[in-house]
Amino acid sequence: MKKTCEICGVTTRRDNFNMHMKNHSFGRQVCHICGSIHKSLQSFKTHLFHFHNAKKKPYTCGECGAVFKYSYRLSDHKRKVHTDFRPYQCDSCDKKYLNRGTLRKHIKLIHLKLREYLCKYCQKDYSSPRALKVHVRQHTKETPYVCEICCKGFRQSVSLKTHMAKHVKVEQASTSQIDQEEEDEDGKKNMTDIVEEEN
């Protein structure tokens, strides 16, 4: 069952409605780290989690700065991104992989064409329950990942993360433009003062 917010018109599941209403009570929040502006406390918390979360992701790559929650993920990242180390090779197409599990998945999907998960709406088949779940959201129009800044909904968390990055870039660009305009205006005022003093 869904409920519509009378303040902003967003429709959410009933179990998320109270959390959504709390967002309206805190007002705008400014990030103390990067200066980005967020329209609600929840939006600000989401921003902190996705962009500045060192506690949850304590392992940092020394080469590119990527952060990870687990040390084995950092090791995988280094091997995958910063080296060509791929010890597991497919016998059919010579593609190489970091681990046996990824190689098995490749063989199953690409060479054996195994897709065990069937959509009940359109009969399209998928390789994993997660892929099917994301696909079914196209039919049900479910968008469980909602941007707290503009209330746009997404079917996948990765889409929300990409979207949130755009908000941060827009905020940073707006802040620099405002700073530049203030700088220009100050410069004009100073020139006016100088001209008036000469006369």
C-alpha atoms as a PDB file:
ATOM      1  CA  MET A   1       0.000   0.000   0.000  1.00  0.00           C
ATOM      2  CA  LYS A   2       1.330   3.454  -0.910  1.00  0.00           C
ATOM      3  CA  LYS A   3       0.774   6.877   0.589  1.00  0.00           C
ATOM      4  CA  THR A   4       1.167  10.347  -0.968  1.00  0.00           C
ATOM      5  CA  CYS A   5       2.909  13.205   0.830  1.00  0.00           C
ATOM      6  CA  GLU A   6       0.682  16.296   0.991  1.00  0.00           C
ATOM      7  CA  ILE A   7       3.718  18.590   1.179  1.00  0.00           C
ATOM      8  CA  CYS A   8       5.664  17.532  -1.920  1.00  0.00           C
ATOM      9  CA  GLY A   9       3.387  15.053  -3.699  1.00  0.00           C
ATOM     10  CA  VAL A  10       5.834  12.126  -3.550  1.00  0.00           C
ATOM     11  CA  THR A  11       4.241   8.693  -3.262  1.00  0.00           C
ATOM     12  CA  THR A  12       6.072   6.194  -1.061  1.00  0.00           C
ATOM     13  CA  ARG A  13       5.389   2.817   0.485  1.00  0.00           C
ATOM     14  CA  ARG A  14       3.577   3.114   3.818  1.00  0.00           C
ATOM     15  CA  ASP A  15       6.592   1.734   5.701  1.00  0.00           C
ATOM     16  CA  ASN A  16       8.789   4.554   4.295  1.00  0.00           C
ATOM     17  CA  PHE A  17       6.246   7.346   4.728  1.00  0.00           C
ATOM     18  CA  ASN A  18       7.194   8.379   8.294  1.00  0.00           C
ATOM     19  CA  MET A  19      10.880   8.579   7.345  1.00  0.00           C
ATOM     20  CA  HIS A  20       9.931  10.698   4.321  1.00  0.00           C
ATOM     21  CA  MET A  21       7.905  13.098   6.517  1.00  0.00           C
ATOM     22  CA  LYS A  22      10.862  13.549   8.889  1.00  0.00           C
ATOM     23  CA  ASN A  23      12.820  14.892   5.923  1.00  0.00           C
ATOM     24  CA  HIS A  24      10.504  17.906   5.745  1.00  0.00           C
ATOM     25  CA  SER A  25      11.091  18.893   9.380  1.00  0.00           C
ATOM     26  CA  PHE A  26      14.870  19.550   9.370  1.00  0.00           C
ATOM     27  CA  GLY A  27      15.320  21.948   6.463  1.00  0.00           C
ATOM     28  CA  ARG A  28      18.454  22.474   4.360  1.00  0.00           C
ATOM     29  CA  GLN A  29      21.745  20.925   5.465  1.00  0.00           C
ATOM     30  CA  VAL A  30      25.252  21.992   4.401  1.00  0.00           C
ATOM     31  CA  CYS A  31      28.050  19.427   4.197  1.00  0.00           C
ATOM     32  CA  HIS A  32      30.930  20.504   6.443  1.00  0.00           C
ATOM     33  CA  ILE A  33      33.385  18.550   4.265  1.00  0.00           C
ATOM     34  CA  CYS A  34      32.655  19.696   0.705  1.00  0.00           C
ATOM     35  CA  GLY A  35      30.076  22.476   1.151  1.00  0.00           C
ATOM     36  CA  SER A  36      27.302  20.790  -0.846  1.00  0.00           C
ATOM     37  CA  ILE A  37      23.755  21.779   0.111  1.00  0.00           C
ATOM     38  CA  HIS A  38      20.992  19.230   0.792  1.00  0.00           C
ATOM     39  CA  LYS A  39      17.297  19.872   1.163  1.00  0.00           C
ATOM     40  CA  SER A  40      16.819  17.455   4.074  1.00  0.00           C
ATOM     41  CA  LEU A  41      18.621  15.659   6.880  1.00  0.00           C
ATOM     42  CA  GLN A  42      18.127  12.305   5.137  1.00  0.00           C
ATOM     43  CA  SER A  43      19.590  13.669   1.912  1.00  0.00           C
ATOM     44  CA  PHE A  44      22.592  14.933   3.867  1.00  0.00           C
ATOM     45  CA  LYS A  45      23.058  11.557   5.593  1.00  0.00           C
ATOM     46  CA  THR A  46      22.858   9.809   2.216  1.00  0.00           C
ATOM     47  CA  HIS A  47      25.487  12.199   0.846  1.00  0.00           C
ATOM     48  CA  LEU A  48      27.825  11.560   3.798  1.00  0.00           C
ATOM     49  CA  PHE A  49      27.423   7.803   3.424  1.00  0.00           C
ATOM     50  CA  HIS A  50      28.075   7.722  -0.322  1.00  0.00           C
ATOM     51  CA  PHE A  51      30.762  10.395  -0.617  1.00  0.00           C
ATOM     52  CA  HIS A  52      32.615  10.785   2.694  1.00  0.00           C
ATOM     53  CA  ASN A  53      32.252   7.474   4.544  1.00  0.00           C
ATOM     54  CA  ALA A  54      35.760   6.624   5.768  1.00  0.00           C
ATOM     55  CA  LYS A  55      34.520   4.721   8.853  1.00  0.00           C
ATOM     56  CA  LYS A  56      32.423   2.275   6.829  1.00  0.00           C
ATOM     57  CA  LYS A  57      35.142   1.954   4.173  1.00  0.00           C
ATOM     58  CA  PRO A  58      38.502   2.087   5.958  1.00  0.00           C
ATOM     59  CA  TYR A  59      40.613   0.506   3.177  1.00  0.00           C
ATOM     60  CA  THR A  60      41.929   3.041   0.659  1.00  0.00           C
ATOM     61  CA  CYS A  61      43.762   2.321  -2.584  1.00  0.00           C
ATOM     62  CA  GLY A  62      47.088   4.168  -2.576  1.00  0.00           C
ATOM     63  CA  GLU A  63      47.074   4.483  -6.365  1.00  0.00           C
ATOM     64  CA  CYS A  64      43.642   5.955  -7.120  1.00  0.00           C
ATOM     65  CA  GLY A  65      42.009   6.754  -3.752  1.00  0.00           C
ATOM     66  CA  ALA A  66      39.102   4.291  -4.116  1.00  0.00           C
ATOM     67  CA  VAL A  67      37.782   3.154  -0.708  1.00  0.00           C
ATOM     68  CA  PHE A  68      36.526  -0.259   0.365  1.00  0.00           C
ATOM     69  CA  LYS A  69      34.779  -1.738   3.379  1.00  0.00           C
ATOM     70  CA  TYR A  70      36.816  -4.958   3.339  1.00  0.00           C
ATOM     71  CA  SER A  71      40.528  -5.560   2.757  1.00  0.00           C
ATOM     72  CA  TYR A  72      39.854  -8.389   0.279  1.00  0.00           C
ATOM     73  CA  ARG A  73      37.822  -5.956  -1.871  1.00  0.00           C
ATOM     74  CA  LEU A  74      40.810  -3.595  -1.932  1.00  0.00           C
ATOM     75  CA  SER A  75      43.061  -6.500  -2.965  1.00  0.00           C
ATOM     76  CA  ASP A  76      40.608  -7.482  -5.732  1.00  0.00           C
ATOM     77  CA  HIS A  77      40.447  -3.852  -6.877  1.00  0.00           C
ATOM     78  CA  LYS A  78      44.242  -3.546  -7.060  1.00  0.00           C
ATOM     79  CA  ARG A  79      44.532  -6.778  -9.062  1.00  0.00           C
ATOM     80  CA  LYS A  80      41.631  -5.892 -11.354  1.00  0.00           C
ATOM     81  CA  VAL A  81      42.331  -2.202 -11.982  1.00  0.00           C
ATOM     82  CA  HIS A  82      46.052  -1.681 -11.428  1.00  0.00           C
ATOM     83  CA  THR A  83      47.523  -4.972 -12.717  1.00  0.00           C
ATOM     84  CA  ASP A  84      46.882  -7.451 -15.513  1.00  0.00           C
ATOM     85  CA  PHE A  85      46.878 -10.403 -13.091  1.00  0.00           C
ATOM     86  CA  ARG A  86      44.087 -12.767 -14.235  1.00  0.00           C
ATOM     87  CA  PRO A  87      45.046 -16.385 -13.478  1.00  0.00           C
ATOM     88  CA  TYR A  88      41.761 -18.057 -14.548  1.00  0.00           C
ATOM     89  CA  GLN A  89      41.334 -18.401 -18.305  1.00  0.00           C
ATOM     90  CA  CYS A  90      38.267 -19.570 -20.246  1.00  0.00           C
ATOM     91  CA  ASP A  91      39.028 -22.557 -22.515  1.00  0.00           C
ATOM     92  CA  SER A  92      36.404 -21.468 -25.062  1.00  0.00           C
ATOM     93  CA  CYS A  93      37.270 -17.818 -25.675  1.00  0.00           C
ATOM     94  CA  ASP A  94      40.562 -17.177 -23.814  1.00  0.00           C
ATOM     95  CA  LYS A  95      39.070 -14.432 -21.597  1.00  0.00           C
ATOM     96  CA  LYS A  96      40.850 -14.181 -18.247  1.00  0.00           C
ATOM     97  CA  TYR A  97      39.374 -13.624 -14.771  1.00  0.00           C
ATOM     98  CA  LEU A  98      40.553 -12.830 -11.251  1.00  0.00           C
ATOM     99  CA  ASN A  99      38.832 -15.801  -9.637  1.00  0.00           C
ATOM    100  CA  ARG A 100      37.253 -19.174 -10.394  1.00  0.00           C
ATOM    101  CA  GLY A 101      33.744 -18.033  -9.476  1.00  0.00           C
ATOM    102  CA  THR A 102      33.775 -15.247 -12.051  1.00  0.00           C
ATOM    103  CA  LEU A 103      35.092 -17.659 -14.694  1.00  0.00           C
ATOM    104  CA  ARG A 104      32.293 -20.164 -13.897  1.00  0.00           C
ATOM    105  CA  LYS A 105      29.702 -17.416 -14.146  1.00  0.00           C
ATOM    106  CA  HIS A 106      31.137 -16.345 -17.522  1.00  0.00           C
ATOM    107  CA  ILE A 107      30.948 -19.914 -18.889  1.00  0.00           C
ATOM    108  CA  LYS A 108      27.405 -20.391 -17.594  1.00  0.00           C
ATOM    109  CA  LEU A 109      26.087 -17.129 -19.057  1.00  0.00           C
ATOM    110  CA  ILE A 110      28.091 -16.706 -22.258  1.00  0.00           C
ATOM    111  CA  HIS A 111      28.863 -20.214 -23.476  1.00  0.00           C
ATOM    112  CA  LEU A 112      26.118 -22.368 -21.947  1.00  0.00           C
ATOM    113  CA  LYS A 113      23.476 -19.605 -22.224  1.00  0.00           C
ATOM    114  CA  LEU A 114      21.936 -20.678 -18.900  1.00  0.00           C
ATOM    115  CA  ARG A 115      19.323 -18.260 -17.664  1.00  0.00           C
ATOM    116  CA  GLU A 116      17.254 -19.852 -14.916  1.00  0.00           C
ATOM    117  CA  TYR A 117      15.123 -16.926 -13.751  1.00  0.00           C
ATOM    118  CA  LEU A 118      12.000 -16.188 -15.810  1.00  0.00           C
ATOM    119  CA  CYS A 119       9.955 -12.955 -15.722  1.00  0.00           C
ATOM    120  CA  LYS A 120       6.293 -13.687 -15.041  1.00  0.00           C
ATOM    121  CA  TYR A 121       5.229 -10.596 -17.013  1.00  0.00           C
ATOM    122  CA  CYS A 122       7.105 -10.999 -20.304  1.00  0.00           C
ATOM    123  CA  GLN A 123       8.785 -14.440 -20.086  1.00  0.00           C
ATOM    124  CA  LYS A 124      12.251 -12.924 -20.549  1.00  0.00           C
ATOM    125  CA  ASP A 125      14.923 -14.998 -18.792  1.00  0.00           C
ATOM    126  CA  TYR A 126      17.717 -13.802 -16.501  1.00  0.00           C
ATOM    127  CA  SER A 127      20.902 -15.211 -15.045  1.00  0.00           C
ATOM    128  CA  SER A 128      20.329 -14.246 -11.410  1.00  0.00           C
ATOM    129  CA  PRO A 129      17.472 -13.486  -9.019  1.00  0.00           C
ATOM    130  CA  ARG A 130      18.844  -9.958  -8.593  1.00  0.00           C
ATOM    131  CA  ALA A 131      18.832  -9.281 -12.352  1.00  0.00           C
ATOM    132  CA  LEU A 132      15.250 -10.570 -12.539  1.00  0.00           C
ATOM    133  CA  LYS A 133      14.187  -8.426  -9.572  1.00  0.00           C
ATOM    134  CA  VAL A 134      15.599  -5.276 -11.195  1.00  0.00           C
ATOM    135  CA  HIS A 135      13.907  -6.179 -14.510  1.00  0.00           C
ATOM    136  CA  VAL A 136      10.503  -6.799 -12.866  1.00  0.00           C
ATOM    137  CA  ARG A 137      10.624  -3.232 -11.533  1.00  0.00           C
ATOM    138  CA  GLN A 138      10.181  -2.076 -15.164  1.00  0.00           C
ATOM    139  CA  HIS A 139       6.783  -3.772 -15.174  1.00  0.00           C
ATOM    140  CA  THR A 140       5.729  -2.759 -11.654  1.00  0.00           C
ATOM    141  CA  LYS A 141       7.190   0.779 -11.968  1.00  0.00           C
ATOM    142  CA  GLU A 142       8.743   0.292  -8.515  1.00  0.00           C
ATOM    143  CA  THR A 143      11.582   2.721  -7.748  1.00  0.00           C
ATOM    144  CA  PRO A 144      12.792   1.845  -4.248  1.00  0.00           C
ATOM    145  CA  TYR A 145      15.889   4.054  -4.401  1.00  0.00           C
ATOM    146  CA  VAL A 146      14.745   7.667  -4.062  1.00  0.00           C
ATOM    147  CA  CYS A 147      16.890  10.787  -4.295  1.00  0.00           C
ATOM    148  CA  GLU A 148      16.362  12.839  -1.153  1.00  0.00           C
ATOM    149  CA  ILE A 149      17.236  16.053  -2.982  1.00  0.00           C
ATOM    150  CA  CYS A 150      14.826  15.960  -5.935  1.00  0.00           C
ATOM    151  CA  CYS A 151      12.679  12.902  -5.054  1.00  0.00           C
ATOM    152  CA  LYS A 152      13.424  11.135  -8.350  1.00  0.00           C
ATOM    153  CA  GLY A 153      13.141   7.352  -8.015  1.00  0.00           C
ATOM    154  CA  PHE A 154      15.437   4.655  -9.392  1.00  0.00           C
ATOM    155  CA  ARG A 155      15.196   0.896  -9.863  1.00  0.00           C
ATOM    156  CA  GLN A 156      18.817   0.260  -8.821  1.00  0.00           C
ATOM    157  CA  SER A 157      21.026   1.671  -6.078  1.00  0.00           C
ATOM    158  CA  VAL A 158      23.864   2.230  -8.552  1.00  0.00           C
ATOM    159  CA  SER A 159      21.595   4.528 -10.587  1.00  0.00           C
ATOM    160  CA  LEU A 160      20.860   6.556  -7.448  1.00  0.00           C
ATOM    161  CA  LYS A 161      24.602   6.805  -6.656  1.00  0.00           C
ATOM    162  CA  THR A 162      25.328   8.082 -10.172  1.00  0.00           C
ATOM    163  CA  HIS A 163      22.447  10.547  -9.868  1.00  0.00           C
ATOM    164  CA  MET A 164      23.659  11.783  -6.448  1.00  0.00           C
ATOM    165  CA  ALA A 165      27.097  12.475  -7.921  1.00  0.00           C
ATOM    166  CA  LYS A 166      25.437  14.818 -10.435  1.00  0.00           C
ATOM    167  CA  HIS A 167      23.804  16.763  -7.586  1.00  0.00           C
ATOM    168  CA  VAL A 168      27.165  17.182  -5.873  1.00  0.00           C
ATOM    169  CA  LYS A 169      28.748  18.429  -9.131  1.00  0.00           C
ATOM    170  CA  VAL A 170      25.858  20.863  -9.695  1.00  0.00           C
ATOM    171  CA  GLU A 171      26.150  22.168  -6.117  1.00  0.00           C
ATOM    172  CA  GLN A 172      29.920  22.595  -6.469  1.00  0.00           C
ATOM    173  CA  ALA A 173      29.504  24.344  -9.833  1.00  0.00           C
ATOM    174  CA  SER A 174      26.811  26.621  -8.415  1.00  0.00           C
ATOM    175  CA  THR A 175      28.984  27.494  -5.427  1.00  0.00           C
ATOM    176  CA  SER A 176      31.968  28.335  -7.679  1.00  0.00           C
ATOM    177  CA  GLN A 177      29.756  30.411  -9.976  1.00  0.00           C
ATOM    178  CA  ILE A 178      28.369  32.348  -7.006  1.00  0.00           C
ATOM    179  CA  ASP A 179      31.924  32.866  -5.677  1.00  0.00           C
ATOM    180  CA  GLN A 180      33.036  34.089  -9.134  1.00  0.00           C
ATOM    181  CA  GLU A 181      30.051  36.458  -9.408  1.00  0.00           C
ATOM    182  CA  GLU A 182      30.786  37.873  -5.942  1.00  0.00           C
ATOM    183  CA  GLU A 183      34.438  38.251  -6.921  1.00  0.00           C
ATOM    184  CA  ASP A 184      33.452  40.048 -10.165  1.00  0.00           C
ATOM    185  CA  GLU A 185      30.982  42.267  -8.326  1.00  0.00           C
ATOM    186  CA  ASP A 186      33.600  43.156  -5.692  1.00  0.00           C
ATOM    187  CA  GLY A 187      36.025  43.983  -8.496  1.00  0.00           C
ATOM    188  CA  LYS A 188      33.456  46.279 -10.167  1.00  0.00           C
ATOM    189  CA  LYS A 189      32.687  48.030  -6.894  1.00  0.00           C
ATOM    190  CA  ASN A 190      36.364  48.589  -6.257  1.00  0.00           C
ATOM    191  CA  MET A 191      36.846  50.074  -9.733  1.00  0.00           C
ATOM    192  CA  THR A 192      33.833  52.365  -9.194  1.00  0.00           C
ATOM    193  CA  ASP A 193      35.271  53.527  -5.862  1.00  0.00           C
ATOM    194  CA  ILE A 194      38.625  54.250  -7.541  1.00  0.00           C
ATOM    195  CA  VAL A 195      36.968  56.220 -10.389  1.00  0.00           C
ATOM    196  CA  GLU A 196      34.890  58.271  -7.881  1.00  0.00           C
ATOM    197  CA  GLU A 197      37.989  59.037  -5.808  1.00  0.00           C
ATOM    198  CA  GLU A 198      39.846  60.312  -8.899  1.00  0.00           C
ATOM    199  CA  ASN A 199      36.980  62.735  -9.739  1.00  0.00           C
END
